[in-house]
Amino acid sequence: MSMAQHQELVELVNARAQLLADLAADDLEAVLIESDDSDEELLPDVDALRESQRRPLPRGVLLAAGVVGMLSVGLLATLQQYPMQRQPVKANAHDGVELFGGAVGAVLSIMAASSHGMELAGAVGTAMEDAEKIAYDSQNISKHHDIEALINYTHELSHLHGQDLMGDNRMNDGNLCPDNEEVFAGLCYQKCSLLTKGSHPVRTTAFSCCAQEPCNAFNSVFTSPVKFCQGLDVGGRLPGVGCPHQPGDCLLNEEFHLGFCYKKCAILTNTEYPFRISAESCCKEWGYFECLEARNVMTNSTFAIGGGDGDKLLEGEAGLVHPPILALAEVQTTTTLWTAPSA
């Protein structure tokens, strides 16, 4: 410890002792003033005086005096234990905490932990803001899609039948989800690599992705865990839209809704109401408030059908609303799904 540091500690002890002594004096003065408030008797009452002499000092006075004594002894002992050094030593916060120990060390430890906590909270807050921006961009891509492209794609899908509707997922890659999704905790989520445009490809929870392992708050992005089927907690084909679902896939002319496969609203309504909002309802826009307006919604009981309806090969398995089919995402060695009928 340098001469300057030694002198600063001594001055700190004197200043704290003087401050606590002043507080104790103020407390004692307040007690004396309170005892003088009564003007009924000018001469002191001997019995009252004796009683006041037996009365214990206020707790504030005793506490202040005790703190002064302990702090002074503790700091003086510390000064004696660590003699002055001629050469200055590089500052180290951890060593500073260990130097004091006891109550003072505990306070310093709490302050250091709080500092790390605030730094961590700041990192999480920034990561959540970044992820919300990523999710907003993904949803905007889906919400403001190219109508002409949607019309053309829907027209193509409406002319597909049989095997052509089974899609082109990589069937031997070990992924039980569609190619744009990944398995996490038994469910299929849109890939973090796609949602974050490659910046955070490793999924760590339903609501978070990280840049690389080992993952932590400082290299991750998060979205709100109370917003289900939003942000990073999404599944399905439309970027940033839809809920996670059990492994498997739907036909190309189908869409996911609450974990089941339905024939696309875009096909059923000729692209006028392309977004499914319930088993029997389709909406013009993708958004909760937009779909509250009756003019934006079309409802029909015939909308609750599967993409295999009317198809000779697929009707038995997908003619009705159905859960995702594993054989559409990965080769199943035990399945006989959709064996072509004999001529």
Foldseek 3Di string as FASTA:
>chain_A
DAPVVLVVLVVVLVVLLVVLVVVLVVQVVVVVVVVPPDPPDPDDDPVVVVVVVVDDDDPSNVVSVVVSVVVNVQSVVLPVVDDHDHDDDDDDLVVVLVSRDDPVSVVSVVVVVVVVVVVLVVLQVVLQVLLQVLLVVLVCCQQPDDLVVLLVVLVVVVPDADPVQLDDADAAPPALAGPQWHDDPQWTFGAPCVSNVNQFRADDDLFKGFRDPPDDSNGMHGHDPVDACARRQHDWDRGRGHHIEGGAAATNQWTDDPQKTFGFPCNVVVNCFGADDDLFKGFNGPDDVRVVDPVGMDGDNVRQFFPCQPHPQCCVPTGGIGGHDSCSHYPDPPDPRRDDDDD
